[in-house]
Amino acid sequence: MRLYFQLFGSFFKIGAFTIGGGYAMIPLIEHEVVNRRKWLDSEEFSEALTLAQSAPGPIAINSAVFVGYKLRGIKGVMMTTLGTVLPSFAIILLIAIFFAGVKDNAVVERIFKGLRPAVVALIAVPVINMLKKKRFAWRYVLIAALATVAVAVFQISPVLVIIVAGIAGIVNLKFKV
């Protein structure tokens, strides 16, 4: 029973103190799950992150689902997902109630503009951490760059890029290319 409360509390804290969406939550989830609680090792977290990015839906929720399921099955999923979603839901509800009166306030606009660089930094942290790992293959950087060029420059559908990357991964695994 104690682990359920820890799962809920950890993901509630992450959900409550992260601004910038799911990708900004990744460093906090990694710190809590790998470094602090030691629920997953670094390799398991990388695999969970890959699955979370591949599955439809928000990456933070998908990561929470993976951790909860690995540790306590369906009940663990309910605790981690509820912990992740509840703070955002409450905050958005409060903002919706009170934001209409302050949406044109210069101070509020400056606060949001000031948060942007912090959000970019939080999104960059997982990429930097991945690049630091000893076993990291630089081919992933090349693949990501090619995918970015395909979508941004050549206007290829991201869905098609994901499908091609998935097929390439299966071929790579099957034939050890």
N, C-alpha and C. Protein backbone atom coordinates (compact mmCIF):
# COMPACT_ATOMS: atom_id res chain seq x y z
N MET A 1 0.82 -1.20 0.00
CA MET A 1 0.00 0.00 0.00
C MET A 1 0.86 1.26 0.00
N ARG A 2 1.99 1.18 0.68
CA ARG A 2 2.87 2.33 0.77
C ARG A 2 3.40 2.73 -0.61
N LEU A 3 3.72 1.72 -1.43
CA LEU A 3 4.25 2.02 -2.76
C LEU A 3 3.22 2.77 -3.61
N TYR A 4 1.95 2.44 -3.45
CA TYR A 4 0.90 3.15 -4.20
C TYR A 4 0.91 4.64 -3.87
N PHE A 5 1.04 4.96 -2.59
CA PHE A 5 1.09 6.36 -2.18
C PHE A 5 2.37 7.03 -2.70
N GLN A 6 3.48 6.29 -2.70
CA GLN A 6 4.73 6.84 -3.23
C GLN A 6 4.61 7.11 -4.73
N LEU A 7 4.00 6.18 -5.45
CA LEU A 7 3.80 6.37 -6.89
C LEU A 7 2.94 7.60 -7.14
N PHE A 8 1.81 7.67 -6.45
CA PHE A 8 0.92 8.82 -6.62
C PHE A 8 1.65 10.11 -6.25
N GLY A 9 2.29 10.13 -5.10
CA GLY A 9 2.96 11.34 -4.61
C GLY A 9 4.08 11.81 -5.52
N SER A 10 4.87 10.87 -6.00
CA SER A 10 5.98 11.24 -6.88
C SER A 10 5.47 11.86 -8.17
N PHE A 11 4.49 11.23 -8.78
CA PHE A 11 3.98 11.75 -10.05
C PHE A 11 3.11 12.99 -9.85
N PHE A 12 2.46 13.12 -8.69
CA PHE A 12 1.72 14.33 -8.38
C PHE A 12 2.69 15.51 -8.29
N LYS A 13 3.79 15.30 -7.60
CA LYS A 13 4.81 16.34 -7.45
C LYS A 13 5.37 16.74 -8.82
N ILE A 14 5.65 15.76 -9.65
CA ILE A 14 6.15 16.05 -11.00
C ILE A 14 5.11 16.83 -11.79
N GLY A 15 3.86 16.39 -11.74
CA GLY A 15 2.79 17.07 -12.46
C GLY A 15 2.54 18.48 -11.96
N ALA A 16 2.71 18.68 -10.66
CA ALA A 16 2.41 19.98 -10.07
C ALA A 16 3.50 21.02 -10.32
N PHE A 17 4.74 20.58 -10.47
CA PHE A 17 5.83 21.54 -10.54
C PHE A 17 6.52 21.59 -11.89
N THR A 18 5.86 21.11 -12.92
CA THR A 18 6.44 21.16 -14.25
C THR A 18 5.61 22.09 -15.13
N ILE A 19 6.29 23.03 -15.74
CA ILE A 19 5.65 23.94 -16.68
C ILE A 19 6.26 23.65 -18.05
N GLY A 20 5.42 23.50 -19.05
CA GLY A 20 5.94 23.30 -20.39
C GLY A 20 5.54 21.99 -21.04
N GLY A 21 4.74 21.20 -20.37
CA GLY A 21 4.25 19.98 -21.00
C GLY A 21 5.10 18.76 -20.73
N GLY A 22 4.75 17.71 -21.45
CA GLY A 22 5.33 16.40 -21.22
C GLY A 22 6.84 16.32 -21.36
N TYR A 23 7.39 16.93 -22.40
CA TYR A 23 8.83 16.84 -22.60
C TYR A 23 9.59 17.55 -21.48
N ALA A 24 9.01 18.58 -20.93
CA ALA A 24 9.65 19.27 -19.81
C ALA A 24 9.62 18.42 -18.54
N MET A 25 8.71 17.44 -18.49
CA MET A 25 8.61 16.56 -17.32
C MET A 25 9.66 15.45 -17.32
N ILE A 26 10.22 15.15 -18.47
CA ILE A 26 11.11 14.00 -18.59
C ILE A 26 12.28 14.05 -17.61
N PRO A 27 13.01 15.18 -17.50
CA PRO A 27 14.12 15.18 -16.54
C PRO A 27 13.66 14.97 -15.10
N LEU A 28 12.50 15.50 -14.76
CA LEU A 28 11.99 15.31 -13.40
C LEU A 28 11.58 13.85 -13.17
N ILE A 29 10.93 13.25 -14.17
CA ILE A 29 10.54 11.85 -14.04
C ILE A 29 11.79 10.99 -13.91
N GLU A 30 12.79 11.26 -14.75
CA GLU A 30 14.03 10.47 -14.68
C GLU A 30 14.69 10.61 -13.32
N HIS A 31 14.78 11.83 -12.81
CA HIS A 31 15.40 12.04 -11.50
C HIS A 31 14.66 11.26 -10.41
N GLU A 32 13.34 11.35 -10.43
CA GLU A 32 12.54 10.70 -9.39
C GLU A 32 12.58 9.18 -9.51
N VAL A 33 12.41 8.67 -10.71
CA VAL A 33 12.24 7.24 -10.93
C VAL A 33 13.57 6.49 -10.94
N VAL A 34 14.62 7.11 -11.52
CA VAL A 34 15.91 6.43 -11.65
C VAL A 34 16.84 6.80 -10.49
N ASN A 35 17.05 8.08 -10.27
CA ASN A 35 18.05 8.50 -9.29
C ASN A 35 17.55 8.44 -7.85
N ARG A 36 16.38 8.97 -7.60
CA ARG A 36 15.89 9.08 -6.22
C ARG A 36 15.26 7.79 -5.70
N ARG A 37 14.27 7.27 -6.42
CA ARG A 37 13.52 6.10 -5.95
C ARG A 37 14.13 4.78 -6.39
N LYS A 38 14.92 4.82 -7.47
CA LYS A 38 15.56 3.62 -8.03
C LYS A 38 14.54 2.55 -8.41
N TRP A 39 13.41 3.01 -8.93
CA TRP A 39 12.38 2.08 -9.41
C TRP A 39 12.78 1.47 -10.74
N LEU A 40 13.51 2.22 -11.56
CA LEU A 40 14.02 1.74 -12.84
C LEU A 40 15.50 2.09 -12.91
N ASP A 41 16.26 1.31 -13.67
CA ASP A 41 17.64 1.73 -13.92
C ASP A 41 17.65 2.61 -15.16
N SER A 42 18.79 3.16 -15.48
CA SER A 42 18.90 4.12 -16.58
C SER A 42 18.50 3.50 -17.92
N GLU A 43 18.90 2.26 -18.14
CA GLU A 43 18.57 1.57 -19.39
C GLU A 43 17.06 1.34 -19.51
N GLU A 44 16.42 0.92 -18.41
CA GLU A 44 14.97 0.71 -18.42
C GLU A 44 14.23 2.03 -18.69
N PHE A 45 14.75 3.11 -18.08
CA PHE A 45 14.11 4.40 -18.31
C PHE A 45 14.22 4.83 -19.76
N SER A 46 15.38 4.61 -20.37
CA SER A 46 15.54 4.94 -21.79
C SER A 46 14.56 4.16 -22.65
N GLU A 47 14.38 2.88 -22.33
CA GLU A 47 13.43 2.06 -23.07
C GLU A 47 12.00 2.54 -22.84
N ALA A 48 11.69 2.90 -21.59
CA ALA A 48 10.36 3.42 -21.28
C ALA A 48 10.10 4.72 -22.04
N LEU A 49 11.11 5.55 -22.12
CA LEU A 49 10.98 6.82 -22.83
C LEU A 49 10.75 6.59 -24.33
N THR A 50 11.45 5.62 -24.87
CA THR A 50 11.24 5.28 -26.28
C THR A 50 9.82 4.80 -26.52
N LEU A 51 9.33 3.93 -25.65
CA LEU A 51 7.95 3.46 -25.77
C LEU A 51 6.96 4.60 -25.59
N ALA A 52 7.23 5.46 -24.61
CA ALA A 52 6.32 6.57 -24.34
C ALA A 52 6.23 7.52 -25.53
N GLN A 53 7.34 7.72 -26.22
CA GLN A 53 7.34 8.60 -27.39
C GLN A 53 6.66 7.93 -28.58
N SER A 54 6.74 6.62 -28.66
CA SER A 54 6.18 5.90 -29.79
C SER A 54 4.67 5.71 -29.68
N ALA A 55 4.18 5.63 -28.46
CA ALA A 55 2.75 5.38 -28.25
C ALA A 55 1.96 6.67 -28.44
N PRO A 56 0.71 6.55 -28.88
CA PRO A 56 -0.11 7.76 -29.01
C PRO A 56 -0.41 8.35 -27.63
N GLY A 57 -0.51 9.65 -27.57
CA GLY A 57 -0.85 10.31 -26.32
C GLY A 57 0.32 11.09 -25.76
N PRO A 58 0.07 11.80 -24.67
CA PRO A 58 1.11 12.64 -24.05
C PRO A 58 2.25 11.79 -23.49
N ILE A 59 3.47 12.23 -23.70
CA ILE A 59 4.64 11.47 -23.28
C ILE A 59 4.71 11.33 -21.75
N ALA A 60 4.29 12.34 -21.01
CA ALA A 60 4.34 12.26 -19.55
C ALA A 60 3.38 11.18 -19.05
N ILE A 61 2.20 11.13 -19.62
CA ILE A 61 1.22 10.11 -19.21
C ILE A 61 1.73 8.73 -19.60
N ASN A 62 2.25 8.61 -20.81
CA ASN A 62 2.76 7.32 -21.26
C ASN A 62 3.91 6.84 -20.37
N SER A 63 4.79 7.76 -19.97
CA SER A 63 5.88 7.40 -19.06
C SER A 63 5.34 6.95 -17.71
N ALA A 64 4.36 7.68 -17.22
CA ALA A 64 3.74 7.32 -15.94
C ALA A 64 3.10 5.95 -16.02
N VAL A 65 2.43 5.67 -17.13
CA VAL A 65 1.80 4.36 -17.32
C VAL A 65 2.84 3.27 -17.29
N PHE A 66 3.95 3.46 -17.98
CA PHE A 66 5.00 2.44 -18.01
C PHE A 66 5.53 2.16 -16.62
N VAL A 67 5.86 3.21 -15.88
CA VAL A 67 6.42 3.04 -14.53
C VAL A 67 5.40 2.37 -13.62
N GLY A 68 4.17 2.88 -13.64
CA GLY A 68 3.13 2.30 -12.78
C GLY A 68 2.88 0.84 -13.09
N TYR A 69 2.82 0.49 -14.36
CA TYR A 69 2.56 -0.90 -14.75
C TYR A 69 3.72 -1.81 -14.36
N LYS A 70 4.93 -1.32 -14.56
CA LYS A 70 6.10 -2.13 -14.22
C LYS A 70 6.16 -2.43 -12.73
N LEU A 71 5.79 -1.46 -11.93
CA LEU A 71 5.91 -1.64 -10.48
C LEU A 71 4.70 -2.30 -9.83
N ARG A 72 3.48 -1.97 -10.29
CA ARG A 72 2.30 -2.48 -9.60
C ARG A 72 1.12 -2.80 -10.52
N GLY A 73 1.38 -3.03 -11.79
CA GLY A 73 0.30 -3.42 -12.69
C GLY A 73 -0.72 -2.30 -12.89
N ILE A 74 -1.98 -2.71 -13.08
CA ILE A 74 -3.05 -1.76 -13.38
C ILE A 74 -3.26 -0.76 -12.24
N LYS A 75 -3.19 -1.19 -11.00
CA LYS A 75 -3.36 -0.25 -9.89
C LYS A 75 -2.22 0.77 -9.85
N GLY A 76 -1.02 0.33 -10.20
CA GLY A 76 0.10 1.26 -10.29
C GLY A 76 -0.12 2.28 -11.39
N VAL A 77 -0.67 1.81 -12.52
CA VAL A 77 -0.98 2.72 -13.64
C VAL A 77 -1.98 3.78 -13.17
N MET A 78 -2.99 3.35 -12.43
CA MET A 78 -4.01 4.31 -11.96
C MET A 78 -3.37 5.35 -11.04
N MET A 79 -2.47 4.93 -10.17
CA MET A 79 -1.83 5.88 -9.24
C MET A 79 -0.92 6.87 -9.97
N THR A 80 -0.08 6.36 -10.86
CA THR A 80 0.85 7.26 -11.55
C THR A 80 0.12 8.20 -12.51
N THR A 81 -0.88 7.67 -13.19
CA THR A 81 -1.62 8.51 -14.15
C THR A 81 -2.42 9.58 -13.41
N LEU A 82 -3.11 9.19 -12.36
CA LEU A 82 -3.87 10.16 -11.57
C LEU A 82 -2.94 11.21 -10.97
N GLY A 83 -1.81 10.77 -10.46
CA GLY A 83 -0.84 11.71 -9.90
C GLY A 83 -0.32 12.70 -10.93
N THR A 84 -0.14 12.24 -12.17
CA THR A 84 0.36 13.12 -13.22
C THR A 84 -0.70 14.10 -13.70
N VAL A 85 -1.92 13.63 -13.83
CA VAL A 85 -2.99 14.43 -14.45
C VAL A 85 -3.66 15.40 -13.47
N LEU A 86 -3.84 14.99 -12.25
CA LEU A 86 -4.61 15.78 -11.29
C LEU A 86 -4.09 17.21 -11.10
N PRO A 87 -2.79 17.42 -10.92
CA PRO A 87 -2.33 18.81 -10.75
C PRO A 87 -2.62 19.68 -11.97
N SER A 88 -2.36 19.15 -13.15
CA SER A 88 -2.61 19.92 -14.38
C SER A 88 -4.09 20.26 -14.52
N PHE A 89 -4.92 19.28 -14.24
CA PHE A 89 -6.37 19.50 -14.32
C PHE A 89 -6.80 20.62 -13.38
N ALA A 90 -6.33 20.56 -12.13
CA ALA A 90 -6.70 21.58 -11.14
C ALA A 90 -6.16 22.96 -11.54
N ILE A 91 -4.92 23.00 -12.02
CA ILE A 91 -4.32 24.28 -12.41
C ILE A 91 -5.06 24.88 -13.60
N ILE A 92 -5.35 24.07 -14.60
CA ILE A 92 -6.07 24.56 -15.78
C ILE A 92 -7.47 25.03 -15.40
N LEU A 93 -8.11 24.32 -14.50
CA LEU A 93 -9.44 24.73 -14.03
C LEU A 93 -9.36 26.10 -13.36
N LEU A 94 -8.38 26.30 -12.48
CA LEU A 94 -8.20 27.59 -11.82
C LEU A 94 -7.87 28.70 -12.82
N ILE A 95 -7.00 28.38 -13.77
CA ILE A 95 -6.64 29.38 -14.78
C ILE A 95 -7.87 29.77 -15.60
N ALA A 96 -8.66 28.77 -15.97
CA ALA A 96 -9.86 29.05 -16.76
C ALA A 96 -10.82 29.94 -15.99
N ILE A 97 -10.89 29.74 -14.69
CA ILE A 97 -11.81 30.54 -13.87
C ILE A 97 -11.29 31.97 -13.73
N PHE A 98 -9.98 32.13 -13.49
CA PHE A 98 -9.44 33.45 -13.16
C PHE A 98 -8.70 34.14 -14.31
N PHE A 99 -8.32 33.43 -15.35
CA PHE A 99 -7.48 34.00 -16.40
C PHE A 99 -8.19 35.07 -17.22
N ALA A 100 -9.48 34.95 -17.38
CA ALA A 100 -10.21 35.93 -18.19
C ALA A 100 -9.97 37.35 -17.69
N GLY A 101 -9.82 37.50 -16.39
CA GLY A 101 -9.61 38.83 -15.82
C GLY A 101 -8.19 39.34 -15.93
N VAL A 102 -7.21 38.45 -16.17
CA VAL A 102 -5.82 38.89 -16.18
C VAL A 102 -5.10 38.57 -17.48
N LYS A 103 -5.81 38.08 -18.47
CA LYS A 103 -5.14 37.63 -19.70
C LYS A 103 -4.41 38.76 -20.42
N ASP A 104 -4.86 39.99 -20.29
CA ASP A 104 -4.20 41.12 -20.94
C ASP A 104 -3.27 41.87 -20.00
N ASN A 105 -3.03 41.34 -18.83
CA ASN A 105 -2.17 41.96 -17.84
C ASN A 105 -0.71 41.85 -18.30
N ALA A 106 0.01 42.95 -18.29
CA ALA A 106 1.40 42.97 -18.76
C ALA A 106 2.31 42.08 -17.91
N VAL A 107 2.06 42.03 -16.62
CA VAL A 107 2.88 41.20 -15.74
C VAL A 107 2.71 39.72 -16.08
N VAL A 108 1.48 39.30 -16.32
CA VAL A 108 1.20 37.91 -16.68
C VAL A 108 1.88 37.57 -18.00
N GLU A 109 1.80 38.47 -18.97
CA GLU A 109 2.46 38.24 -20.26
C GLU A 109 3.97 38.09 -20.09
N ARG A 110 4.57 38.92 -19.25
CA ARG A 110 6.02 38.85 -19.01
C ARG A 110 6.40 37.54 -18.31
N ILE A 111 5.56 37.11 -17.39
CA ILE A 111 5.83 35.84 -16.71
C ILE A 111 5.88 34.71 -17.72
N PHE A 112 4.90 34.63 -18.61
CA PHE A 112 4.87 33.57 -19.61
C PHE A 112 6.05 33.67 -20.57
N LYS A 113 6.43 34.88 -20.96
CA LYS A 113 7.59 35.04 -21.82
C LYS A 113 8.88 34.63 -21.10
N GLY A 114 8.94 34.89 -19.82
CA GLY A 114 10.12 34.49 -19.03
C GLY A 114 10.22 32.99 -18.84
N LEU A 115 9.11 32.30 -18.85
CA LEU A 115 9.12 30.85 -18.67
C LEU A 115 9.58 30.10 -19.92
N ARG A 116 9.47 30.70 -21.07
CA ARG A 116 9.82 30.01 -22.32
C ARG A 116 11.24 29.46 -22.35
N PRO A 117 12.27 30.24 -21.99
CA PRO A 117 13.63 29.68 -22.02
C PRO A 117 13.80 28.51 -21.04
N ALA A 118 13.14 28.58 -19.90
CA ALA A 118 13.23 27.49 -18.94
C ALA A 118 12.62 26.21 -19.50
N VAL A 119 11.53 26.35 -20.21
CA VAL A 119 10.88 25.19 -20.83
C VAL A 119 11.79 24.58 -21.89
N VAL A 120 12.42 25.41 -22.70
CA VAL A 120 13.35 24.92 -23.72
C VAL A 120 14.49 24.16 -23.05
N ALA A 121 15.01 24.69 -21.96
CA ALA A 121 16.10 24.02 -21.24
C ALA A 121 15.64 22.66 -20.70
N LEU A 122 14.45 22.60 -20.14
CA LEU A 122 13.95 21.33 -19.62
C LEU A 122 13.76 20.30 -20.72
N ILE A 123 13.40 20.73 -21.90
CA ILE A 123 13.25 19.81 -23.02
C ILE A 123 14.63 19.36 -23.52
N ALA A 124 15.62 20.22 -23.45
CA ALA A 124 16.96 19.88 -23.94
C ALA A 124 17.70 18.92 -23.01
N VAL A 125 17.39 18.90 -21.73
CA VAL A 125 18.10 18.07 -20.76
C VAL A 125 18.11 16.58 -21.14
N PRO A 126 16.97 15.96 -21.50
CA PRO A 126 17.04 14.53 -21.86
C PRO A 126 17.92 14.27 -23.08
N VAL A 127 17.93 15.18 -24.02
CA VAL A 127 18.77 15.01 -25.21
C VAL A 127 20.24 15.06 -24.79
N ILE A 128 20.60 16.01 -23.97
CA ILE A 128 21.98 16.14 -23.51
C ILE A 128 22.38 14.92 -22.70
N ASN A 129 21.51 14.46 -21.81
CA ASN A 129 21.81 13.26 -21.01
C ASN A 129 22.01 12.04 -21.89
N MET A 130 21.20 11.92 -22.92
CA MET A 130 21.33 10.78 -23.83
C MET A 130 22.67 10.84 -24.56
N LEU A 131 23.08 12.04 -24.96
CA LEU A 131 24.35 12.19 -25.66
C LEU A 131 25.54 11.88 -24.76
N LYS A 132 25.40 12.05 -23.45
CA LYS A 132 26.49 11.79 -22.51
C LYS A 132 26.70 10.31 -22.22
N LYS A 133 25.69 9.50 -22.47
CA LYS A 133 25.79 8.08 -22.12
C LYS A 133 26.89 7.40 -22.92
N LYS A 134 27.59 6.50 -22.25
CA LYS A 134 28.72 5.82 -22.87
C LYS A 134 28.31 5.01 -24.09
N ARG A 135 27.19 4.31 -23.97
CA ARG A 135 26.79 3.39 -25.03
C ARG A 135 25.94 4.08 -26.10
N PHE A 136 25.87 5.37 -26.06
CA PHE A 136 25.04 6.10 -27.01
C PHE A 136 25.62 5.98 -28.42
N ALA A 137 24.77 5.68 -29.37
CA ALA A 137 25.20 5.59 -30.76
C ALA A 137 24.88 6.91 -31.47
N TRP A 138 25.88 7.51 -32.04
CA TRP A 138 25.71 8.79 -32.73
C TRP A 138 24.81 8.67 -33.95
N ARG A 139 24.56 7.44 -34.38
CA ARG A 139 23.65 7.27 -35.52
C ARG A 139 22.25 7.78 -35.18
N TYR A 140 21.90 7.79 -33.88
CA TYR A 140 20.59 8.31 -33.48
C TYR A 140 20.48 9.79 -33.75
N VAL A 141 21.58 10.51 -33.55
CA VAL A 141 21.59 11.95 -33.85
C VAL A 141 21.40 12.15 -35.35
N LEU A 142 22.09 11.34 -36.14
CA LEU A 142 21.95 11.43 -37.60
C LEU A 142 20.52 11.11 -38.03
N ILE A 143 19.94 10.07 -37.46
CA ILE A 143 18.56 9.70 -37.79
C ILE A 143 17.60 10.83 -37.42
N ALA A 144 17.78 11.40 -36.23
CA ALA A 144 16.92 12.51 -35.79
C ALA A 144 17.08 13.72 -36.71
N ALA A 145 18.30 14.00 -37.11
CA ALA A 145 18.54 15.13 -38.02
C ALA A 145 17.88 14.89 -39.37
N LEU A 146 18.02 13.67 -39.89
CA LEU A 146 17.39 13.34 -41.17
C LEU A 146 15.87 13.43 -41.08
N ALA A 147 15.31 12.95 -39.98
CA ALA A 147 13.86 13.03 -39.79
C ALA A 147 13.40 14.48 -39.71
N THR A 148 14.17 15.30 -39.02
CA THR A 148 13.83 16.72 -38.90
C THR A 148 13.86 17.40 -40.27
N VAL A 149 14.89 17.12 -41.04
CA VAL A 149 14.99 17.70 -42.39
C VAL A 149 13.84 17.21 -43.26
N ALA A 150 13.52 15.92 -43.17
CA ALA A 150 12.44 15.36 -43.98
C ALA A 150 11.12 16.08 -43.70
N VAL A 151 10.85 16.33 -42.42
CA VAL A 151 9.59 16.98 -42.05
C VAL A 151 9.63 18.48 -42.31
N ALA A 152 10.68 19.15 -41.85
CA ALA A 152 10.73 20.61 -41.93
C ALA A 152 11.04 21.14 -43.33
N VAL A 153 11.97 20.52 -44.02
CA VAL A 153 12.40 21.04 -45.31
C VAL A 153 11.59 20.45 -46.46
N PHE A 154 11.45 19.13 -46.45
CA PHE A 154 10.78 18.47 -47.57
C PHE A 154 9.29 18.25 -47.36
N GLN A 155 8.77 18.72 -46.22
CA GLN A 155 7.33 18.66 -45.93
C GLN A 155 6.77 17.24 -45.97
N ILE A 156 7.58 16.24 -45.60
CA ILE A 156 7.12 14.85 -45.53
C ILE A 156 6.33 14.69 -44.24
N SER A 157 5.25 13.98 -44.31
CA SER A 157 4.38 13.79 -43.16
C SER A 157 5.14 13.14 -42.00
N PRO A 158 5.02 13.68 -40.78
CA PRO A 158 5.67 13.05 -39.62
C PRO A 158 5.20 11.61 -39.41
N VAL A 159 3.96 11.34 -39.76
CA VAL A 159 3.44 9.99 -39.63
C VAL A 159 4.23 9.04 -40.53
N LEU A 160 4.48 9.45 -41.75
CA LEU A 160 5.26 8.63 -42.67
C LEU A 160 6.68 8.43 -42.16
N VAL A 161 7.28 9.48 -41.62
CA VAL A 161 8.63 9.38 -41.07
C VAL A 161 8.66 8.38 -39.91
N ILE A 162 7.66 8.43 -39.04
CA ILE A 162 7.58 7.49 -37.92
C ILE A 162 7.42 6.06 -38.42
N ILE A 163 6.56 5.86 -39.40
CA ILE A 163 6.35 4.51 -39.95
C ILE A 163 7.64 3.97 -40.57
N VAL A 164 8.32 4.80 -41.37
CA VAL A 164 9.58 4.38 -41.99
C VAL A 164 10.62 4.06 -40.92
N ALA A 165 10.71 4.90 -39.90
CA ALA A 165 11.68 4.66 -38.82
C ALA A 165 11.36 3.36 -38.08
N GLY A 166 10.08 3.10 -37.85
CA GLY A 166 9.68 1.85 -37.20
C GLY A 166 10.06 0.64 -38.02
N ILE A 167 9.79 0.70 -39.31
CA ILE A 167 10.14 -0.40 -40.21
C ILE A 167 11.67 -0.59 -40.24
N ALA A 168 12.40 0.52 -40.32
CA ALA A 168 13.86 0.44 -40.31
C ALA A 168 14.37 -0.19 -39.02
N GLY A 169 13.75 0.14 -37.89
CA GLY A 169 14.14 -0.46 -36.62
C GLY A 169 13.89 -1.96 -36.59
N ILE A 170 12.76 -2.38 -37.15
CA ILE A 170 12.45 -3.82 -37.21
C ILE A 170 13.45 -4.53 -38.11
N VAL A 171 13.74 -3.93 -39.28
CA VAL A 171 14.72 -4.52 -40.20
C VAL A 171 16.08 -4.60 -39.53
N ASN A 172 16.47 -3.54 -38.84
CA ASN A 172 17.75 -3.52 -38.14
C ASN A 172 17.83 -4.63 -37.09
N LEU A 173 16.76 -4.80 -36.34
CA LEU A 173 16.74 -5.85 -35.31
C LEU A 173 16.74 -7.23 -35.94
N LYS A 174 15.97 -7.41 -36.98
CA LYS A 174 15.82 -8.71 -37.62
C LYS A 174 17.10 -9.18 -38.30
N PHE A 175 17.75 -8.24 -39.00
CA PHE A 175 18.91 -8.61 -39.81
C PHE A 175 20.22 -8.09 -39.25
N LYS A 176 20.18 -7.41 -38.11
CA LYS A 176 21.38 -6.84 -37.48
C LYS A 176 22.24 -6.07 -38.47
N VAL A 177 21.55 -5.13 -39.17
CA VAL A 177 22.22 -4.33 -40.21
C VAL A 177 23.24 -3.42 -39.57
